[in-house]
PDB file of all heavy atoms in Angstrom:
ATOM      1  N   VAL A   1     104.107 119.501 116.305  1.00  0.00           N
ATOM      2  CA  VAL A   1     105.448 120.071 116.417  1.00  0.00           C
ATOM      3  C   VAL A   1     106.371 118.946 116.866  1.00  0.00           C
ATOM      4  O   VAL A   1     106.199 118.387 117.954  1.00  0.00           O
ATOM      5  CB  VAL A   1     105.484 121.243 117.414  1.00  0.00           C
ATOM      6  CG1 VAL A   1     106.906 121.816 117.509  1.00  0.00           C
ATOM      7  CG2 VAL A   1     104.496 122.325 117.001  1.00  0.00           C
ATOM      8  N   CYS A   2     107.337 118.611 116.008  1.00  0.00           N
ATOM      9  CA  CYS A   2     108.224 117.477 116.262  1.00  0.00           C
ATOM     10  C   CYS A   2     109.384 117.885 117.169  1.00  0.00           C
ATOM     11  O   CYS A   2     109.610 119.074 117.422  1.00  0.00           O
ATOM     12  CB  CYS A   2     108.745 116.918 114.948  1.00  0.00           C
ATOM     13  SG  CYS A   2     107.443 116.380 113.808  1.00  0.00           S
ATOM     14  N   ARG A   3     110.113 116.897 117.617  1.00  0.00           N
ATOM     15  CA  ARG A   3     111.208 117.164 118.558  1.00  0.00           C
ATOM     16  C   ARG A   3     112.343 117.961 117.916  1.00  0.00           C
ATOM     17  O   ARG A   3     113.124 118.599 118.622  1.00  0.00           O
ATOM     18  CB  ARG A   3     111.729 115.849 119.140  1.00  0.00           C
ATOM     19  CG  ARG A   3     110.690 115.165 120.024  1.00  0.00           C
ATOM     20  CD  ARG A   3     111.281 114.075 120.874  1.00  0.00           C
ATOM     21  NE  ARG A   3     110.256 113.451 121.705  1.00  0.00           N
ATOM     22  CZ  ARG A   3     109.882 113.887 122.899  1.00  0.00           C
ATOM     23  NH1 ARG A   3     110.434 114.972 123.397  1.00  0.00           N
ATOM     24  NH2 ARG A   3     108.945 113.249 123.584  1.00  0.00           N
ATOM     25  N   ASP A   4     112.427 117.931 116.576  1.00  0.00           N
ATOM     26  CA  ASP A   4     113.441 118.748 115.900  1.00  0.00           C
ATOM     27  C   ASP A   4     112.898 120.131 115.538  1.00  0.00           C
ATOM     28  O   ASP A   4     113.528 120.888 114.804  1.00  0.00           O
ATOM     29  CB  ASP A   4     113.963 118.032 114.653  1.00  0.00           C
ATOM     30  CG  ASP A   4     112.858 117.753 113.634  1.00  0.00           C
ATOM     31  OD1 ASP A   4     111.691 118.132 113.893  1.00  0.00           O
ATOM     32  OD2 ASP A   4     113.154 117.154 112.583  1.00  0.00           O
ATOM     33  N   ASN A   5     111.685 120.441 116.040  1.00  0.00           N
ATOM     34  CA  ASN A   5     110.995 121.719 115.830  1.00  0.00           C
ATOM     35  C   ASN A   5     110.463 121.905 114.411  1.00  0.00           C
ATOM     36  O   ASN A   5     110.035 123.011 114.050  1.00  0.00           O
ATOM     37  CB  ASN A   5     111.874 122.913 116.215  1.00  0.00           C
ATOM     38  CG  ASN A   5     111.984 123.064 117.725  1.00  0.00           C
ATOM     39  OD1 ASN A   5     111.071 122.655 118.451  1.00  0.00           O
ATOM     40  ND2 ASN A   5     113.086 123.619 118.195  1.00  0.00           N
ATOM     41  N   SER A   6     110.480 120.858 113.597  1.00  0.00           N
ATOM     42  CA  SER A   6     109.733 120.926 112.349  1.00  0.00           C
ATOM     43  C   SER A   6     108.248 120.771 112.681  1.00  0.00           C
ATOM     44  O   SER A   6     107.889 120.196 113.711  1.00  0.00           O
ATOM     45  CB  SER A   6     110.180 119.827 111.378  1.00  0.00           C
ATOM     46  OG  SER A   6     109.971 118.550 111.941  1.00  0.00           O
ATOM     47  N   VAL A   7     107.399 121.311 111.818  1.00  0.00           N
ATOM     48  CA  VAL A   7     105.960 121.314 112.070  1.00  0.00           C
ATOM     49  C   VAL A   7     105.251 120.609 110.922  1.00  0.00           C
ATOM     50  O   VAL A   7     105.442 120.950 109.746  1.00  0.00           O
ATOM     51  CB  VAL A   7     105.412 122.756 112.209  1.00  0.00           C
ATOM     52  CG1 VAL A   7     103.909 122.732 112.473  1.00  0.00           C
ATOM     53  CG2 VAL A   7     106.144 123.496 113.319  1.00  0.00           C
ATOM     54  N   LEU A   8     104.430 119.633 111.258  1.00  0.00           N
ATOM     55  CA  LEU A   8     103.614 118.916 110.283  1.00  0.00           C
ATOM     56  C   LEU A   8     102.173 119.369 110.444  1.00  0.00           C
ATOM     57  O   LEU A   8     101.660 119.421 111.565  1.00  0.00           O
ATOM     58  CB  LEU A   8     103.708 117.406 110.491  1.00  0.00           C
ATOM     59  CG  LEU A   8     105.121 116.808 110.535  1.00  0.00           C
ATOM     60  CD1 LEU A   8     105.065 115.316 110.837  1.00  0.00           C
ATOM     61  CD2 LEU A   8     105.845 117.058 109.218  1.00  0.00           C
ATOM     62  N   ALA A   9     101.515 119.704 109.346  1.00  0.00           N
ATOM     63  CA  ALA A   9     100.144 120.200 109.411  1.00  0.00           C
ATOM     64  C   ALA A   9      99.297 119.534 108.337  1.00  0.00           C
ATOM     65  O   ALA A   9      99.801 119.154 107.276  1.00  0.00           O
ATOM     66  CB  ALA A   9     100.114 121.717 109.232  1.00  0.00           C
ATOM     67  N   GLN A  10      98.016 119.398 108.609  1.00  0.00           N
ATOM     68  CA  GLN A  10      97.068 118.901 107.614  1.00  0.00           C
ATOM     69  C   GLN A  10      96.149 120.049 107.234  1.00  0.00           C
ATOM     70  O   GLN A  10      95.572 120.721 108.098  1.00  0.00           O
ATOM     71  CB  GLN A  10      96.257 117.725 108.178  1.00  0.00           C
ATOM     72  CG  GLN A  10      95.386 116.998 107.158  1.00  0.00           C
ATOM     73  CD  GLN A  10      93.943 117.489 107.151  1.00  0.00           C
ATOM     74  OE1 GLN A  10      93.462 118.062 108.119  1.00  0.00           O
ATOM     75  NE2 GLN A  10      93.243 117.261 106.054  1.00  0.00           N
ATOM     76  N   LEU A  11      96.023 120.306 105.931  1.00  0.00           N
ATOM     77  CA  LEU A  11      95.229 121.423 105.427  1.00  0.00           C
ATOM     78  C   LEU A  11      94.092 120.900 104.562  1.00  0.00           C
ATOM     79  O   LEU A  11      94.176 119.817 103.977  1.00  0.00           O
ATOM     80  CB  LEU A  11      96.087 122.379 104.588  1.00  0.00           C
ATOM     81  CG  LEU A  11      97.123 123.255 105.288  1.00  0.00           C
ATOM     82  CD1 LEU A  11      98.313 122.450 105.759  1.00  0.00           C
ATOM     83  CD2 LEU A  11      97.597 124.359 104.330  1.00  0.00           C
ATOM     84  N   GLY A  12      93.061 121.693 104.449  1.00  0.00           N
ATOM     85  CA  GLY A  12      91.950 121.348 103.577  1.00  0.00           C
ATOM     86  C   GLY A  12      90.781 122.278 103.808  1.00  0.00           C
ATOM     87  O   GLY A  12      90.777 123.075 104.757  1.00  0.00           O
ATOM     88  N   THR A  13      89.793 122.202 102.949  1.00  0.00           N
ATOM     89  CA  THR A  13      88.586 122.988 103.144  1.00  0.00           C
ATOM     90  C   THR A  13      87.845 122.469 104.373  1.00  0.00           C
ATOM     91  O   THR A  13      87.967 121.290 104.725  1.00  0.00           O
ATOM     92  CB  THR A  13      87.677 122.905 101.906  1.00  0.00           C
ATOM     93  OG1 THR A  13      87.435 121.522 101.597  1.00  0.00           O
ATOM     94  CG2 THR A  13      88.309 123.595 100.713  1.00  0.00           C
ATOM     95  N   PRO A  14      87.085 123.312 105.056  1.00  0.00           N
ATOM     96  CA  PRO A  14      86.372 122.864 106.256  1.00  0.00           C
ATOM     97  C   PRO A  14      85.164 121.995 105.897  1.00  0.00           C
ATOM     98  O   PRO A  14      84.042 122.482 105.738  1.00  0.00           O
ATOM     99  CB  PRO A  14      85.961 124.177 106.938  1.00  0.00           C
ATOM    100  CG  PRO A  14      85.916 125.182 105.841  1.00  0.00           C
ATOM    101  CD  PRO A  14      86.949 124.762 104.842  1.00  0.00           C
ATOM    102  N   ASP A  15      85.385 120.700 105.758  1.00  0.00           N
ATOM    103  CA  ASP A  15      84.348 119.763 105.338  1.00  0.00           C
ATOM    104  C   ASP A  15      84.571 118.452 106.075  1.00  0.00           C
ATOM    105  O   ASP A  15      85.613 117.803 105.917  1.00  0.00           O
ATOM    106  CB  ASP A  15      84.432 119.554 103.822  1.00  0.00           C
ATOM    107  CG  ASP A  15      83.210 118.838 103.253  1.00  0.00           C
ATOM    108  OD1 ASP A  15      82.723 117.900 103.906  1.00  0.00           O
ATOM    109  OD2 ASP A  15      82.761 119.209 102.153  1.00  0.00           O
ATOM    110  N   MET A  16      83.591 118.048 106.886  1.00  0.00           N
ATOM    111  CA  MET A  16      83.737 116.847 107.700  1.00  0.00           C
ATOM    112  C   MET A  16      83.845 115.575 106.872  1.00  0.00           C
ATOM    113  O   MET A  16      84.254 114.525 107.384  1.00  0.00           O
ATOM    114  CB  MET A  16      82.560 116.727 108.675  1.00  0.00           C
ATOM    115  CG  MET A  16      82.666 117.628 109.886  1.00  0.00           C
ATOM    116  SD  MET A  16      84.170 117.362 110.850  1.00  0.00           S
ATOM    117  CE  MET A  16      83.981 115.652 111.325  1.00  0.00           C
ATOM    118  N   ARG A  17      83.494 115.639 105.600  1.00  0.00           N
ATOM    119  CA  ARG A  17      83.582 114.435 104.774  1.00  0.00           C
ATOM    120  C   ARG A  17      85.027 113.990 104.548  1.00  0.00           C
ATOM    121  O   ARG A  17      85.266 112.816 104.243  1.00  0.00           O
ATOM    122  CB  ARG A  17      82.872 114.671 103.448  1.00  0.00           C
ATOM    123  CG  ARG A  17      81.348 114.776 103.592  1.00  0.00           C
ATOM    124  CD  ARG A  17      80.682 115.109 102.279  1.00  0.00           C
ATOM    125  NE  ARG A  17      81.070 116.439 101.788  1.00  0.00           N
ATOM    126  CZ  ARG A  17      80.631 116.958 100.650  1.00  0.00           C
ATOM    127  NH1 ARG A  17      79.791 116.270  99.885  1.00  0.00           N
ATOM    128  NH2 ARG A  17      81.029 118.167 100.279  1.00  0.00           N
ATOM    129  N   VAL A  18      85.996 114.889 104.715  1.00  0.00           N
ATOM    130  CA  VAL A  18      87.398 114.503 104.542  1.00  0.00           C
ATOM    131  C   VAL A  18      87.833 113.524 105.638  1.00  0.00           C
ATOM    132  O   VAL A  18      88.306 112.418 105.335  1.00  0.00           O
ATOM    133  CB  VAL A  18      88.313 115.743 104.483  1.00  0.00           C
ATOM    134  CG1 VAL A  18      89.779 115.322 104.480  1.00  0.00           C
ATOM    135  CG2 VAL A  18      87.989 116.582 103.261  1.00  0.00           C
ATOM    136  N   PRO A  19      87.715 113.872 106.929  1.00  0.00           N
ATOM    137  CA  PRO A  19      88.095 112.886 107.947  1.00  0.00           C
ATOM    138  C   PRO A  19      87.212 111.643 107.937  1.00  0.00           C
ATOM    139  O   PRO A  19      87.687 110.549 108.261  1.00  0.00           O
ATOM    140  CB  PRO A  19      87.973 113.662 109.265  1.00  0.00           C
ATOM    141  CG  PRO A  19      87.106 114.832 108.969  1.00  0.00           C
ATOM    142  CD  PRO A  19      87.365 115.182 107.544  1.00  0.00           C
ATOM    143  N   ILE A  20      85.947 111.793 107.555  1.00  0.00           N
ATOM    144  CA  ILE A  20      85.067 110.623 107.479  1.00  0.00           C
ATOM    145  C   ILE A  20      85.563 109.659 106.395  1.00  0.00           C
ATOM    146  O   ILE A  20      85.661 108.447 106.614  1.00  0.00           O
ATOM    147  CB  ILE A  20      83.618 111.060 107.202  1.00  0.00           C
ATOM    148  CG1 ILE A  20      83.033 111.752 108.435  1.00  0.00           C
ATOM    149  CG2 ILE A  20      82.752 109.859 106.804  1.00  0.00           C
ATOM    150  CD1 ILE A  20      81.707 112.444 108.180  1.00  0.00           C
ATOM    151  N   ALA A  21      85.878 110.198 105.223  1.00  0.00           N
ATOM    152  CA  ALA A  21      86.364 109.357 104.127  1.00  0.00           C
ATOM    153  C   ALA A  21      87.670 108.664 104.510  1.00  0.00           C
ATOM    154  O   ALA A  21      87.882 107.486 104.185  1.00  0.00           O
ATOM    155  CB  ALA A  21      86.550 110.199 102.864  1.00  0.00           C
ATOM    156  N   TYR A  22      88.550 109.390 105.206  1.00  0.00           N
ATOM    157  CA  TYR A  22      89.818 108.789 105.612  1.00  0.00           C
ATOM    158  C   TYR A  22      89.584 107.666 106.622  1.00  0.00           C
ATOM    159  O   TYR A  22      90.228 106.613 106.572  1.00  0.00           O
ATOM    160  CB  TYR A  22      90.741 109.852 106.198  1.00  0.00           C
ATOM    161  CG  TYR A  22      92.146 109.348 106.438  1.00  0.00           C
ATOM    162  CD1 TYR A  22      92.925 108.889 105.391  1.00  0.00           C
ATOM    163  CD2 TYR A  22      92.694 109.339 107.722  1.00  0.00           C
ATOM    164  CE1 TYR A  22      94.220 108.423 105.604  1.00  0.00           C
ATOM    165  CE2 TYR A  22      93.984 108.883 107.944  1.00  0.00           C
ATOM    166  CZ  TYR A  22      94.742 108.426 106.880  1.00  0.00           C
ATOM    167  OH  TYR A  22      96.022 107.966 107.097  1.00  0.00           O
ATOM    168  N   GLY A  23      88.646 107.879 107.544  1.00  0.00           N
ATOM    169  CA  GLY A  23      88.334 106.832 108.512  1.00  0.00           C
ATOM    170  C   GLY A  23      87.745 105.595 107.854  1.00  0.00           C
ATOM    171  O   GLY A  23      88.078 104.463 108.218  1.00  0.00           O
ATOM    172  N   LEU A  24      86.874 105.791 106.880  1.00  0.00           N
ATOM    173  CA  LEU A  24      86.248 104.662 106.197  1.00  0.00           C
ATOM    174  C   LEU A  24      87.248 103.870 105.359  1.00  0.00           C
ATOM    175  O   LEU A  24      87.125 102.644 105.232  1.00  0.00           O
ATOM    176  CB  LEU A  24      85.112 105.153 105.299  1.00  0.00           C
ATOM    177  CG  LEU A  24      83.818 105.594 105.983  1.00  0.00           C
ATOM    178  CD1 LEU A  24      82.899 106.295 104.995  1.00  0.00           C
ATOM    179  CD2 LEU A  24      83.101 104.387 106.605  1.00  0.00           C
ATOM    180  N   SER A  25      88.244 104.547 104.780  1.00  0.00           N
ATOM    181  CA  SER A  25      89.147 103.893 103.828  1.00  0.00           C
ATOM    182  C   SER A  25      90.537 103.608 104.380  1.00  0.00           C
ATOM    183  O   SER A  25      91.334 102.966 103.701  1.00  0.00           O
ATOM    184  CB  SER A  25      89.297 104.769 102.579  1.00  0.00           C
ATOM    185  OG  SER A  25      89.920 106.008 102.912  1.00  0.00           O
ATOM    186  N   PHE A  26      90.861 104.103 105.583  1.00  0.00           N
ATOM    187  CA  PHE A  26      92.199 103.987 106.148  1.00  0.00           C
ATOM    188  C   PHE A  26      92.781 102.583 105.938  1.00  0.00           C
ATOM    189  O   PHE A  26      92.096 101.586 106.163  1.00  0.00           O
ATOM    190  CB  PHE A  26      92.156 104.312 107.646  1.00  0.00           C
ATOM    191  CG  PHE A  26      93.465 104.111 108.354  1.00  0.00           C
ATOM    192  CD1 PHE A  26      94.442 105.084 108.299  1.00  0.00           C
ATOM    193  CD2 PHE A  26      93.717 102.946 109.071  1.00  0.00           C
ATOM    194  CE1 PHE A  26      95.656 104.904 108.944  1.00  0.00           C
ATOM    195  CE2 PHE A  26      94.926 102.763 109.718  1.00  0.00           C
ATOM    196  CZ  PHE A  26      95.892 103.744 109.656  1.00  0.00           C
ATOM    197  N   PRO A  27      94.034 102.504 105.503  1.00  0.00           N
ATOM    198  CA  PRO A  27      95.023 103.562 105.279  1.00  0.00           C
ATOM    199  C   PRO A  27      95.016 104.127 103.854  1.00  0.00           C
ATOM    200  O   PRO A  27      95.922 104.870 103.491  1.00  0.00           O
ATOM    201  CB  PRO A  27      96.344 102.845 105.558  1.00  0.00           C
ATOM    202  CG  PRO A  27      96.092 101.443 105.089  1.00  0.00           C
ATOM    203  CD  PRO A  27      94.652 101.159 105.400  1.00  0.00           C
ATOM    204  N   GLN A  28      94.015 103.773 103.081  1.00  0.00           N
ATOM    205  CA  GLN A  28      93.915 104.286 101.720  1.00  0.00           C
ATOM    206  C   GLN A  28      93.239 105.656 101.718  1.00  0.00           C
ATOM    207  O   GLN A  28      92.825 106.166 102.771  1.00  0.00           O
ATOM    208  CB  GLN A  28      93.141 103.296 100.847  1.00  0.00           C
ATOM    209  CG  GLN A  28      93.771 101.905 100.779  1.00  0.00           C
ATOM    210  CD  GLN A  28      92.902 100.908 100.044  1.00  0.00           C
ATOM    211  OE1 GLN A  28      91.910 101.271  99.419  1.00  0.00           O
ATOM    212  NE2 GLN A  28      93.268  99.632 100.114  1.00  0.00           N
ATOM    213  N   ARG A  29      93.114 106.247 100.535  1.00  0.00           N
ATOM    214  CA  ARG A  29      92.424 107.524 100.364  1.00  0.00           C
ATOM    215  C   ARG A  29      91.347 107.351  99.292  1.00  0.00           C
ATOM    216  O   ARG A  29      91.594 106.725  98.260  1.00  0.00           O
ATOM    217  CB  ARG A  29      93.396 108.618  99.916  1.00  0.00           C
ATOM    218  CG  ARG A  29      94.519 108.911 100.898  1.00  0.00           C
ATOM    219  CD  ARG A  29      94.101 109.917 101.939  1.00  0.00           C
ATOM    220  NE  ARG A  29      95.194 110.241 102.849  1.00  0.00           N
ATOM    221  CZ  ARG A  29      95.151 111.206 103.746  1.00  0.00           C
ATOM    222  NH1 ARG A  29      94.068 111.980 103.845  1.00  0.00           N
ATOM    223  NH2 ARG A  29      96.175 111.440 104.551  1.00  0.00           N
ATOM    224  N   ILE A  30      90.164 107.887  99.554  1.00  0.00           N
ATOM    225  CA  ILE A  30      89.080 107.818  98.581  1.00  0.00           C
ATOM    226  C   ILE A  30      88.452 109.200  98.424  1.00  0.00           C
ATOM    227  O   ILE A  30      88.666 110.093  99.256  1.00  0.00           O
ATOM    228  CB  ILE A  30      87.987 106.809  99.007  1.00  0.00           C
ATOM    229  CG1 ILE A  30      87.377 107.199 100.371  1.00  0.00           C
ATOM    230  CG2 ILE A  30      88.544 105.389  99.037  1.00  0.00           C
ATOM    231  CD1 ILE A  30      86.191 106.334 100.783  1.00  0.00           C
ATOM    232  N   GLU A  31      87.667 109.360  97.369  1.00  0.00           N
ATOM    233  CA  GLU A  31      86.968 110.627  97.151  1.00  0.00           C
ATOM    234  C   GLU A  31      86.032 110.912  98.321  1.00  0.00           C
ATOM    235  O   GLU A  31      85.302 110.025  98.774  1.00  0.00           O
ATOM    236  CB  GLU A  31      86.153 110.569  95.857  1.00  0.00           C
ATOM    237  CG  GLU A  31      85.374 111.846  95.574  1.00  0.00           C
ATOM    238  CD  GLU A  31      84.280 111.664  94.533  1.00  0.00           C
ATOM    239  OE1 GLU A  31      84.206 110.564  93.935  1.00  0.00           O
ATOM    240  OE2 GLU A  31      83.498 112.608  94.340  1.00  0.00           O
ATOM    241  N   SER A  32      86.054 112.146  98.786  1.00  0.00           N
ATOM    242  CA  SER A  32      85.207 112.523  99.920  1.00  0.00           C
ATOM    243  C   SER A  32      84.008 113.372  99.510  1.00  0.00           C
ATOM    244  O   SER A  32      83.009 113.426 100.230  1.00  0.00           O
ATOM    245  CB  SER A  32      86.024 113.303 100.948  1.00  0.00           C
ATOM    246  OG  SER A  32      86.444 114.556 100.414  1.00  0.00           O
ATOM    247  N   GLY A  33      84.125 114.058  98.385  1.00  0.00           N
ATOM    248  CA  GLY A  33      83.086 115.011  97.995  1.00  0.00           C
ATOM    249  C   GLY A  33      83.417 116.437  98.386  1.00  0.00           C
ATOM    250  O   GLY A  33      82.733 117.376  97.979  1.00  0.00           O
TER     251      GLY A  33
END
């Protein structure tokens, strides 16, 4: 929740491979499965 009261959210299926893939490739994006 930002100071202007806009809200930023990250959505996706409940799969730990998404944050793992982002950590491995940061700041890029790669296929997670």
